[in-house]
Amino acid sequence: MIYNFHKVVDDDRYCIQDVDMGGFTLSETQLHPDKSTRGHAHPWPEIYIGIRGEGVIELDGGKQTLPIFAGSRLIVEGNVHHRVSTEGGVTFACFFTGIRDG
């Protein structure tokens, strides 16, 4: 089976593309320089993998920050608010259960 990505958002902040893989979603985000994601929390865990560039993920309102860079891997536990920011631009992939909700 071939899965195709579809654009979810493409604006001055970031470009997000998702693919529904039947039960979970693979998402790629290209976060533009000097931008951040809006931040959110959800009940399920989410796996982040850095592809290129560098950024920082803030967890739980900034109580913990971790770098995202090419080859980095981290798991954000469910119900933990998280937000990614970057100075020079960063691209990362996320895996999560289900399909993006809006």
PDB file of N, CA and C in Angstrom:
ATOM      1  N   MET A   1       0.840  -1.173   0.000  1.00  0.00           N
ATOM      2  CA  MET A   1       0.000   0.000   0.000  1.00  0.00           C
ATOM      3  C   MET A   1       0.891   1.243   0.000  1.00  0.00           C
ATOM      4  N   ILE A   2       0.476   2.256  -0.740  1.00  0.00           N
ATOM      5  CA  ILE A   2       1.177   3.535  -0.795  1.00  0.00           C
ATOM      6  C   ILE A   2       0.355   4.553  -0.018  1.00  0.00           C
ATOM      7  N   TYR A   3       1.032   5.259   0.892  1.00  0.00           N
ATOM      8  CA  TYR A   3       0.386   6.307   1.676  1.00  0.00           C
ATOM      9  C   TYR A   3       0.869   7.652   1.164  1.00  0.00           C
ATOM     10  N   ASN A   4      -0.060   8.595   1.024  1.00  0.00           N
ATOM     11  CA  ASN A   4       0.296   9.918   0.520  1.00  0.00           C
ATOM     12  C   ASN A   4       0.113  10.977   1.592  1.00  0.00           C
ATOM     13  N   PHE A   5       1.100  11.860   1.712  1.00  0.00           N
ATOM     14  CA  PHE A   5       1.000  12.986   2.631  1.00  0.00           C
ATOM     15  C   PHE A   5       0.017  14.012   2.067  1.00  0.00           C
ATOM     16  N   HIS A   6      -0.687  14.691   2.946  1.00  0.00           N
ATOM     17  CA  HIS A   6      -1.519  15.829   2.535  1.00  0.00           C
ATOM     18  C   HIS A   6      -1.180  17.014   3.437  1.00  0.00           C
ATOM     19  N   LYS A   7      -1.193  18.203   2.845  1.00  0.00           N
ATOM     20  CA  LYS A   7      -0.877  19.418   3.594  1.00  0.00           C
ATOM     21  C   LYS A   7      -2.010  19.733   4.554  1.00  0.00           C
ATOM     22  N   VAL A   8      -1.630  20.006   5.781  1.00  0.00           N
ATOM     23  CA  VAL A   8      -2.578  20.398   6.806  1.00  0.00           C
ATOM     24  C   VAL A   8      -2.535  21.917   6.958  1.00  0.00           C
ATOM     25  N   VAL A   9      -1.329  22.471   6.977  1.00  0.00           N
ATOM     26  CA  VAL A   9      -1.110  23.916   7.108  1.00  0.00           C
ATOM     27  C   VAL A   9       0.117  24.279   6.284  1.00  0.00           C
ATOM     28  N   ASP A  10       0.074  25.443   5.653  1.00  0.00           N
ATOM     29  CA  ASP A  10       1.245  25.992   4.965  1.00  0.00           C
ATOM     30  C   ASP A  10       1.130  27.511   5.046  1.00  0.00           C
ATOM     31  N   ASP A  11       1.797  28.090   6.052  1.00  0.00           N
ATOM     32  CA  ASP A  11       1.709  29.538   6.246  1.00  0.00           C
ATOM     33  C   ASP A  11       3.071  30.105   6.641  1.00  0.00           C
ATOM     34  N   ASP A  12       3.089  31.334   7.139  1.00  0.00           N
ATOM     35  CA  ASP A  12       4.368  31.980   7.460  1.00  0.00           C
ATOM     36  C   ASP A  12       5.047  31.361   8.686  1.00  0.00           C
ATOM     37  N   ARG A  13       4.326  30.559   9.451  1.00  0.00           N
ATOM     38  CA  ARG A  13       4.890  29.928  10.644  1.00  0.00           C
ATOM     39  C   ARG A  13       5.479  28.554  10.340  1.00  0.00           C
ATOM     40  N   TYR A  14       4.705  27.727   9.635  1.00  0.00           N
ATOM     41  CA  TYR A  14       5.171  26.370   9.355  1.00  0.00           C
ATOM     42  C   TYR A  14       4.398  25.707   8.228  1.00  0.00           C
ATOM     43  N   CYS A  15       4.945  24.590   7.766  1.00  0.00           N
ATOM     44  CA  CYS A  15       4.270  23.720   6.806  1.00  0.00           C
ATOM     45  C   CYS A  15       4.147  22.356   7.488  1.00  0.00           C
ATOM     46  N   ILE A  16       2.911  21.866   7.604  1.00  0.00           N
ATOM     47  CA  ILE A  16       2.664  20.565   8.220  1.00  0.00           C
ATOM     48  C   ILE A  16       2.016  19.662   7.184  1.00  0.00           C
ATOM     49  N   GLN A  17       2.566  18.452   7.052  1.00  0.00           N
ATOM     50  CA  GLN A  17       2.008  17.441   6.159  1.00  0.00           C
ATOM     51  C   GLN A  17       1.790  16.166   6.963  1.00  0.00           C
ATOM     52  N   ASP A  18       0.625  15.550   6.787  1.00  0.00           N
ATOM     53  CA  ASP A  18       0.266  14.325   7.499  1.00  0.00           C
ATOM     54  C   ASP A  18      -0.024  13.191   6.535  1.00  0.00           C
ATOM     55  N   VAL A  19       0.149  11.994   7.034  1.00  0.00           N
ATOM     56  CA  VAL A  19      -0.326  10.806   6.333  1.00  0.00           C
ATOM     57  C   VAL A  19      -1.018   9.922   7.366  1.00  0.00           C
ATOM     58  N   ASP A  20      -2.270   9.553   7.075  1.00  0.00           N
ATOM     59  CA  ASP A  20      -3.044   8.649   7.923  1.00  0.00           C
ATOM     60  C   ASP A  20      -2.643   7.231   7.552  1.00  0.00           C
ATOM     61  N   MET A  21      -2.104   6.510   8.517  1.00  0.00           N
ATOM     62  CA  MET A  21      -1.623   5.162   8.251  1.00  0.00           C
ATOM     63  C   MET A  21      -2.518   4.114   8.910  1.00  0.00           C
ATOM     64  N   GLY A  22      -3.814   4.409   9.003  1.00  0.00           N
ATOM     65  CA  GLY A  22      -4.770   3.450   9.528  1.00  0.00           C
ATOM     66  C   GLY A  22      -4.553   3.141  10.994  1.00  0.00           C
ATOM     67  N   GLY A  23      -4.867   4.073  11.858  1.00  0.00           N
ATOM     68  CA  GLY A  23      -4.709   3.857  13.284  1.00  0.00           C
ATOM     69  C   GLY A  23      -3.677   4.773  13.919  1.00  0.00           C
ATOM     70  N   PHE A  24      -2.744   5.269  13.118  1.00  0.00           N
ATOM     71  CA  PHE A  24      -1.826   6.279  13.622  1.00  0.00           C
ATOM     72  C   PHE A  24      -1.460   7.226  12.494  1.00  0.00           C
ATOM     73  N   THR A  25      -0.893   8.359  12.862  1.00  0.00           N
ATOM     74  CA  THR A  25      -0.528   9.393  11.892  1.00  0.00           C
ATOM     75  C   THR A  25       0.972   9.643  11.942  1.00  0.00           C
ATOM     76  N   LEU A  26       1.559   9.785  10.759  1.00  0.00           N
ATOM     77  CA  LEU A  26       2.933  10.262  10.611  1.00  0.00           C
ATOM     78  C   LEU A  26       2.809  11.694  10.108  1.00  0.00           C
ATOM     79  N   SER A  27       3.438  12.623  10.807  1.00  0.00           N
ATOM     80  CA  SER A  27       3.354  14.031  10.460  1.00  0.00           C
ATOM     81  C   SER A  27       4.751  14.609  10.319  1.00  0.00           C
ATOM     82  N   GLU A  28       4.937  15.490   9.327  1.00  0.00           N
ATOM     83  CA  GLU A  28       6.199  16.206   9.171  1.00  0.00           C
ATOM     84  C   GLU A  28       5.922  17.692   9.285  1.00  0.00           C
ATOM     85  N   THR A  29       6.691  18.371  10.143  1.00  0.00           N
ATOM     86  CA  THR A  29       6.548  19.811  10.327  1.00  0.00           C
ATOM     87  C   THR A  29       7.847  20.500   9.960  1.00  0.00           C
ATOM     88  N   GLN A  30       7.751  21.505   9.089  1.00  0.00           N
ATOM     89  CA  GLN A  30       8.870  22.387   8.767  1.00  0.00           C
ATOM     90  C   GLN A  30       8.557  23.716   9.443  1.00  0.00           C
ATOM     91  N   LEU A  31       9.217  23.949  10.568  1.00  0.00           N
ATOM     92  CA  LEU A  31       9.000  25.169  11.337  1.00  0.00           C
ATOM     93  C   LEU A  31       9.999  26.219  10.869  1.00  0.00           C
ATOM     94  N   HIS A  32       9.481  27.351  10.402  1.00  0.00           N
ATOM     95  CA  HIS A  32      10.314  28.403   9.821  1.00  0.00           C
ATOM     96  C   HIS A  32      11.124  29.145  10.894  1.00  0.00           C
ATOM     97  N   PRO A  33      12.234  29.806  10.496  1.00  0.00           N
ATOM     98  CA  PRO A  33      13.089  30.525  11.444  1.00  0.00           C
ATOM     99  C   PRO A  33      12.323  31.539  12.298  1.00  0.00           C
ATOM    100  N   ASP A  34      12.725  31.611  13.560  1.00  0.00           N
ATOM    101  CA  ASP A  34      12.154  32.545  14.534  1.00  0.00           C
ATOM    102  C   ASP A  34      10.661  32.361  14.755  1.00  0.00           C
ATOM    103  N   LYS A  35      10.210  31.107  14.668  1.00  0.00           N
ATOM    104  CA  LYS A  35       8.791  30.787  14.863  1.00  0.00           C
ATOM    105  C   LYS A  35       8.646  29.695  15.914  1.00  0.00           C
ATOM    106  N   SER A  36       7.399  29.463  16.335  1.00  0.00           N
ATOM    107  CA  SER A  36       7.097  28.365  17.246  1.00  0.00           C
ATOM    108  C   SER A  36       5.731  27.789  16.904  1.00  0.00           C
ATOM    109  N   THR A  37       5.529  26.550  17.315  1.00  0.00           N
ATOM    110  CA  THR A  37       4.209  25.950  17.169  1.00  0.00           C
ATOM    111  C   THR A  37       3.298  26.568  18.221  1.00  0.00           C
ATOM    112  N   ARG A  38       1.996  26.397  18.073  1.00  0.00           N
ATOM    113  CA  ARG A  38       1.070  27.020  19.035  1.00  0.00           C
ATOM    114  C   ARG A  38       1.091  26.313  20.374  1.00  0.00           C
ATOM    115  N   GLY A  39       1.529  25.066  20.414  1.00  0.00           N
ATOM    116  CA  GLY A  39       1.558  24.293  21.648  1.00  0.00           C
ATOM    117  C   GLY A  39       0.209  23.651  21.922  1.00  0.00           C
ATOM    118  N   HIS A  40       0.250  22.477  22.501  1.00  0.00           N
ATOM    119  CA  HIS A  40      -0.978  21.744  22.802  1.00  0.00           C
ATOM    120  C   HIS A  40      -0.667  20.562  23.719  1.00  0.00           C
ATOM    121  N   ALA A  41      -1.707  19.928  24.187  1.00  0.00           N
ATOM    122  CA  ALA A  41      -1.600  18.689  24.964  1.00  0.00           C
ATOM    123  C   ALA A  41      -2.724  17.771  24.500  1.00  0.00           C
ATOM    124  N   HIS A  42      -2.525  16.483  24.643  1.00  0.00           N
ATOM    125  CA  HIS A  42      -3.541  15.490  24.297  1.00  0.00           C
ATOM    126  C   HIS A  42      -3.291  14.250  25.142  1.00  0.00           C
ATOM    127  N   PRO A  43      -4.270  13.368  25.244  1.00  0.00           N
ATOM    128  CA  PRO A  43      -4.129  12.227  26.150  1.00  0.00           C
ATOM    129  C   PRO A  43      -3.126  11.154  25.714  1.00  0.00           C
ATOM    130  N   TRP A  44      -2.740  11.134  24.460  1.00  0.00           N
ATOM    131  CA  TRP A  44      -1.853  10.078  23.972  1.00  0.00           C
ATOM    132  C   TRP A  44      -0.404  10.568  23.886  1.00  0.00           C
ATOM    133  N   PRO A  45       0.563   9.647  23.978  1.00  0.00           N
ATOM    134  CA  PRO A  45       1.962  10.029  23.793  1.00  0.00           C
ATOM    135  C   PRO A  45       2.248  10.339  22.326  1.00  0.00           C
ATOM    136  N   GLU A  46       3.329  11.061  22.094  1.00  0.00           N
ATOM    137  CA  GLU A  46       3.722  11.443  20.740  1.00  0.00           C
ATOM    138  C   GLU A  46       5.238  11.290  20.629  1.00  0.00           C
ATOM    139  N   ILE A  47       5.684  10.701  19.539  1.00  0.00           N
ATOM    140  CA  ILE A  47       7.107  10.489  19.305  1.00  0.00           C
ATOM    141  C   ILE A  47       7.602  11.554  18.339  1.00  0.00           C
ATOM    142  N   TYR A  48       8.692  12.237  18.697  1.00  0.00           N
ATOM    143  CA  TYR A  48       9.314  13.265  17.854  1.00  0.00           C
ATOM    144  C   TYR A  48      10.669  12.764  17.366  1.00  0.00           C
ATOM    145  N   ILE A  49      10.949  12.993  16.087  1.00  0.00           N
ATOM    146  CA  ILE A  49      12.255  12.661  15.509  1.00  0.00           C
ATOM    147  C   ILE A  49      12.738  13.874  14.726  1.00  0.00           C
ATOM    148  N   GLY A  50      13.913  14.388  15.081  1.00  0.00           N
ATOM    149  CA  GLY A  50      14.491  15.529  14.376  1.00  0.00           C
ATOM    150  C   GLY A  50      15.007  15.115  13.007  1.00  0.00           C
ATOM    151  N   ILE A  51      14.738  15.922  11.993  1.00  0.00           N
ATOM    152  CA  ILE A  51      15.170  15.627  10.622  1.00  0.00           C
ATOM    153  C   ILE A  51      16.305  16.558  10.197  1.00  0.00           C
ATOM    154  N   ARG A  52      16.126  17.880  10.349  1.00  0.00           N
ATOM    155  CA  ARG A  52      17.200  18.826  10.018  1.00  0.00           C
ATOM    156  C   ARG A  52      16.956  20.129  10.773  1.00  0.00           C
ATOM    157  N   GLY A  53      18.024  20.902  10.900  1.00  0.00           N
ATOM    158  CA  GLY A  53      17.945  22.146  11.648  1.00  0.00           C
ATOM    159  C   GLY A  53      17.984  21.890  13.144  1.00  0.00           C
ATOM    160  N   GLU A  54      17.675  22.944  13.909  1.00  0.00           N
ATOM    161  CA  GLU A  54      17.699  22.848  15.366  1.00  0.00           C
ATOM    162  C   GLU A  54      16.551  23.630  15.966  1.00  0.00           C
ATOM    163  N   GLY A  55      16.035  23.118  17.053  1.00  0.00           N
ATOM    164  CA  GLY A  55      14.973  23.792  17.780  1.00  0.00           C
ATOM    165  C   GLY A  55      14.939  23.295  19.208  1.00  0.00           C
ATOM    166  N   VAL A  56      13.932  23.741  19.929  1.00  0.00           N
ATOM    167  CA  VAL A  56      13.755  23.360  21.327  1.00  0.00           C
ATOM    168  C   VAL A  56      12.295  23.004  21.536  1.00  0.00           C
ATOM    169  N   ILE A  57      12.052  21.944  22.293  1.00  0.00           N
ATOM    170  CA  ILE A  57      10.686  21.623  22.686  1.00  0.00           C
ATOM    171  C   ILE A  57      10.529  21.962  24.159  1.00  0.00           C
ATOM    172  N   GLU A  58       9.505  22.738  24.465  1.00  0.00           N
ATOM    173  CA  GLU A  58       9.176  23.101  25.841  1.00  0.00           C
ATOM    174  C   GLU A  58       8.101  22.144  26.322  1.00  0.00           C
ATOM    175  N   LEU A  59       8.313  21.589  27.491  1.00  0.00           N
ATOM    176  CA  LEU A  59       7.345  20.671  28.077  1.00  0.00           C
ATOM    177  C   LEU A  59       6.757  21.292  29.332  1.00  0.00           C
ATOM    178  N   ASP A  60       5.452  21.114  29.499  1.00  0.00           N
ATOM    179  CA  ASP A  60       4.781  21.524  30.730  1.00  0.00           C
ATOM    180  C   ASP A  60       5.009  23.000  31.048  1.00  0.00           C
ATOM    181  N   GLY A  61       4.746  23.854  30.053  1.00  0.00           N
ATOM    182  CA  GLY A  61       4.872  25.298  30.265  1.00  0.00           C
ATOM    183  C   GLY A  61       6.287  25.790  30.468  1.00  0.00           C
ATOM    184  N   GLY A  62       7.262  25.061  29.921  1.00  0.00           N
ATOM    185  CA  GLY A  62       8.653  25.477  30.022  1.00  0.00           C
ATOM    186  C   GLY A  62       9.381  24.922  31.237  1.00  0.00           C
ATOM    187  N   LYS A  63       8.711  24.052  32.013  1.00  0.00           N
ATOM    188  CA  LYS A  63       9.375  23.440  33.176  1.00  0.00           C
ATOM    189  C   LYS A  63      10.552  22.573  32.746  1.00  0.00           C
ATOM    190  N   GLN A  64      10.464  22.046  31.522  1.00  0.00           N
ATOM    191  CA  GLN A  64      11.569  21.272  30.966  1.00  0.00           C
ATOM    192  C   GLN A  64      11.709  21.651  29.493  1.00  0.00           C
ATOM    193  N   THR A  65      12.932  21.807  29.015  1.00  0.00           N
ATOM    194  CA  THR A  65      13.193  22.056  27.600  1.00  0.00           C
ATOM    195  C   THR A  65      14.211  21.036  27.111  1.00  0.00           C
ATOM    196  N   LEU A  66      14.000  20.576  25.892  1.00  0.00           N
ATOM    197  CA  LEU A  66      14.892  19.596  25.279  1.00  0.00           C
ATOM    198  C   LEU A  66      15.206  20.031  23.857  1.00  0.00           C
ATOM    199  N   PRO A  67      16.426  19.800  23.391  1.00  0.00           N
ATOM    200  CA  PRO A  67      16.776  20.176  22.020  1.00  0.00           C
ATOM    201  C   PRO A  67      16.194  19.195  21.006  1.00  0.00           C
ATOM    202  N   ILE A  68      15.855  19.719  19.843  1.00  0.00           N
ATOM    203  CA  ILE A  68      15.484  18.893  18.686  1.00  0.00           C
ATOM    204  C   ILE A  68      16.494  19.217  17.596  1.00  0.00           C
ATOM    205  N   PHE A  69      17.094  18.184  17.028  1.00  0.00           N
ATOM    206  CA  PHE A  69      18.107  18.344  15.979  1.00  0.00           C
ATOM    207  C   PHE A  69      18.093  17.075  15.139  1.00  0.00           C
ATOM    208  N   ALA A  70      18.765  17.096  14.005  1.00  0.00           N
ATOM    209  CA  ALA A  70      18.789  15.931  13.113  1.00  0.00           C
ATOM    210  C   ALA A  70      19.227  14.694  13.880  1.00  0.00           C
ATOM    211  N   GLY A  71      18.383  13.678  13.883  1.00  0.00           N
ATOM    212  CA  GLY A  71      18.685  12.424  14.556  1.00  0.00           C
ATOM    213  C   GLY A  71      18.193  12.332  15.987  1.00  0.00           C
ATOM    214  N   SER A  72      17.738  13.438  16.570  1.00  0.00           N
ATOM    215  CA  SER A  72      17.242  13.367  17.949  1.00  0.00           C
ATOM    216  C   SER A  72      15.904  12.632  17.981  1.00  0.00           C
ATOM    217  N   ARG A  73      15.636  11.996  19.118  1.00  0.00           N
ATOM    218  CA  ARG A  73      14.392  11.259  19.310  1.00  0.00           C
ATOM    219  C   ARG A  73      13.899  11.506  20.729  1.00  0.00           C
ATOM    220  N   LEU A  74      12.605  11.771  20.857  1.00  0.00           N
ATOM    221  CA  LEU A  74      12.046  11.911  22.191  1.00  0.00           C
ATOM    222  C   LEU A  74      10.577  11.553  22.185  1.00  0.00           C
ATOM    223  N   ILE A  75      10.095  11.185  23.350  1.00  0.00           N
ATOM    224  CA  ILE A  75       8.686  10.848  23.520  1.00  0.00           C
ATOM    225  C   ILE A  75       8.078  11.859  24.479  1.00  0.00           C
ATOM    226  N   VAL A  76       6.986  12.472  24.044  1.00  0.00           N
ATOM    227  CA  VAL A  76       6.226  13.365  24.905  1.00  0.00           C
ATOM    228  C   VAL A  76       5.074  12.536  25.464  1.00  0.00           C
ATOM    229  N   GLU A  77       5.035  12.391  26.769  1.00  0.00           N
ATOM    230  CA  GLU A  77       3.976  11.615  27.410  1.00  0.00           C
ATOM    231  C   GLU A  77       2.619  12.277  27.198  1.00  0.00           C
ATOM    232  N   GLY A  78       1.565  11.507  27.301  1.00  0.00           N
ATOM    233  CA  GLY A  78       0.212  12.033  27.182  1.00  0.00           C
ATOM    234  C   GLY A  78      -0.077  13.070  28.254  1.00  0.00           C
ATOM    235  N   ASN A  79      -0.948  14.010  27.936  1.00  0.00           N
ATOM    236  CA  ASN A  79      -1.405  15.068  28.841  1.00  0.00           C
ATOM    237  C   ASN A  79      -0.307  16.049  29.261  1.00  0.00           C
ATOM    238  N   VAL A  80       0.806  16.091  28.523  1.00  0.00           N
ATOM    239  CA  VAL A  80       1.867  17.054  28.798  1.00  0.00           C
ATOM    240  C   VAL A  80       1.832  18.119  27.695  1.00  0.00           C
ATOM    241  N   HIS A  81       1.651  19.369  28.094  1.00  0.00           N
ATOM    242  CA  HIS A  81       1.634  20.460  27.112  1.00  0.00           C
ATOM    243  C   HIS A  81       3.034  20.574  26.503  1.00  0.00           C
ATOM    244  N   HIS A  82       3.089  20.713  25.170  1.00  0.00           N
ATOM    245  CA  HIS A  82       4.378  20.805  24.486  1.00  0.00           C
ATOM    246  C   HIS A  82       4.300  21.784  23.323  1.00  0.00           C
ATOM    247  N   ARG A  83       5.446  22.427  23.082  1.00  0.00           N
ATOM    248  CA  ARG A  83       5.544  23.462  22.048  1.00  0.00           C
ATOM    249  C   ARG A  83       6.978  23.477  21.542  1.00  0.00           C
ATOM    250  N   VAL A  84       7.139  23.603  20.225  1.00  0.00           N
ATOM    251  CA  VAL A  84       8.467  23.638  19.608  1.00  0.00           C
ATOM    252  C   VAL A  84       8.742  25.052  19.112  1.00  0.00           C
ATOM    253  N   SER A  85       9.981  25.523  19.337  1.00  0.00           N
ATOM    254  CA  SER A  85      10.402  26.825  18.805  1.00  0.00           C
ATOM    255  C   SER A  85      11.779  26.666  18.171  1.00  0.00           C
ATOM    256  N   THR A  86      12.121  27.628  17.298  1.00  0.00           N
ATOM    257  CA  THR A  86      13.400  27.578  16.605  1.00  0.00           C
ATOM    258  C   THR A  86      13.870  28.980  16.263  1.00  0.00           C
ATOM    259  N   GLU A  87      15.177  29.139  16.192  1.00  0.00           N
ATOM    260  CA  GLU A  87      15.752  30.396  15.712  1.00  0.00           C
ATOM    261  C   GLU A  87      16.075  30.287  14.222  1.00  0.00           C
ATOM    262  N   GLY A  88      16.688  29.173  13.806  1.00  0.00           N
ATOM    263  CA  GLY A  88      17.152  29.029  12.431  1.00  0.00           C
ATOM    264  C   GLY A  88      16.314  28.134  11.543  1.00  0.00           C
ATOM    265  N   GLY A  89      15.245  27.556  12.082  1.00  0.00           N
ATOM    266  CA  GLY A  89      14.402  26.632  11.331  1.00  0.00           C
ATOM    267  C   GLY A  89      14.687  25.192  11.743  1.00  0.00           C
ATOM    268  N   VAL A  90      13.640  24.391  11.810  1.00  0.00           N
ATOM    269  CA  VAL A  90      13.785  22.984  12.176  1.00  0.00           C
ATOM    270  C   VAL A  90      12.690  22.178  11.482  1.00  0.00           C
ATOM    271  N   THR A  91      13.048  20.979  11.067  1.00  0.00           N
ATOM    272  CA  THR A  91      12.082  20.039  10.504  1.00  0.00           C
ATOM    273  C   THR A  91      12.098  18.796  11.368  1.00  0.00           C
ATOM    274  N   PHE A  92      10.906  18.327  11.744  1.00  0.00           N
ATOM    275  CA  PHE A  92      10.799  17.138  12.578  1.00  0.00           C
ATOM    276  C   PHE A  92       9.582  16.314  12.176  1.00  0.00           C
ATOM    277  N   ALA A  93       9.634  15.036  12.507  1.00  0.00           N
ATOM    278  CA  ALA A  93       8.512  14.131  12.272  1.00  0.00           C
ATOM    279  C   ALA A  93       7.893  13.783  13.621  1.00  0.00           C
ATOM    280  N   CYS A  94       6.592  13.529  13.604  1.00  0.00           N
ATOM    281  CA  CYS A  94       5.870  13.072  14.793  1.00  0.00           C
ATOM    282  C   CYS A  94       5.040  11.851  14.428  1.00  0.00           C
ATOM    283  N   PHE A  95       4.949  10.941  15.363  1.00  0.00           N
ATOM    284  CA  PHE A  95       4.062   9.789  15.231  1.00  0.00           C
ATOM    285  C   PHE A  95       3.085   9.850  16.392  1.00  0.00           C
ATOM    286  N   PHE A  96       1.784   9.687  16.089  1.00  0.00           N
ATOM    287  CA  PHE A  96       0.805   9.672  17.165  1.00  0.00           C
ATOM    288  C   PHE A  96      -0.391   8.818  16.771  1.00  0.00           C
ATOM    289  N   THR A  97      -1.127   8.380  17.781  1.00  0.00           N
ATOM    290  CA  THR A  97      -2.293   7.527  17.583  1.00  0.00           C
ATOM    291  C   THR A  97      -3.432   8.335  16.993  1.00  0.00           C
ATOM    292  N   GLY A  98      -4.146   7.747  16.057  1.00  0.00           N
ATOM    293  CA  GLY A  98      -5.326   8.394  15.493  1.00  0.00           C
ATOM    294  C   GLY A  98      -4.999   9.346  14.370  1.00  0.00           C
ATOM    295  N   ILE A  99      -5.968  10.214  14.090  1.00  0.00           N
ATOM    296  CA  ILE A  99      -5.859  11.186  13.005  1.00  0.00           C
ATOM    297  C   ILE A  99      -5.919  12.577  13.609  1.00  0.00           C
ATOM    298  N   ARG A 100      -5.185  13.518  13.017  1.00  0.00           N
ATOM    299  CA  ARG A 100      -5.147  14.891  13.536  1.00  0.00           C
ATOM    300  C   ARG A 100      -6.567  15.422  13.690  1.00  0.00           C
ATOM    301  N   ASP A 101      -6.784  16.058  14.808  1.00  0.00           N
ATOM    302  CA  ASP A 101      -8.076  16.630  15.155  1.00  0.00           C
ATOM    303  C   ASP A 101      -8.073  18.123  14.842  1.00  0.00           C
ATOM    304  N   GLY A 102      -8.318  18.460  13.585  1.00  0.00           N
ATOM    305  CA  GLY A 102      -8.406  19.867  13.186  1.00  0.00           C
ATOM    306  C   GLY A 102      -7.177  20.520  12.918  1.00  0.00           C
TER     307      GLY A 102
END
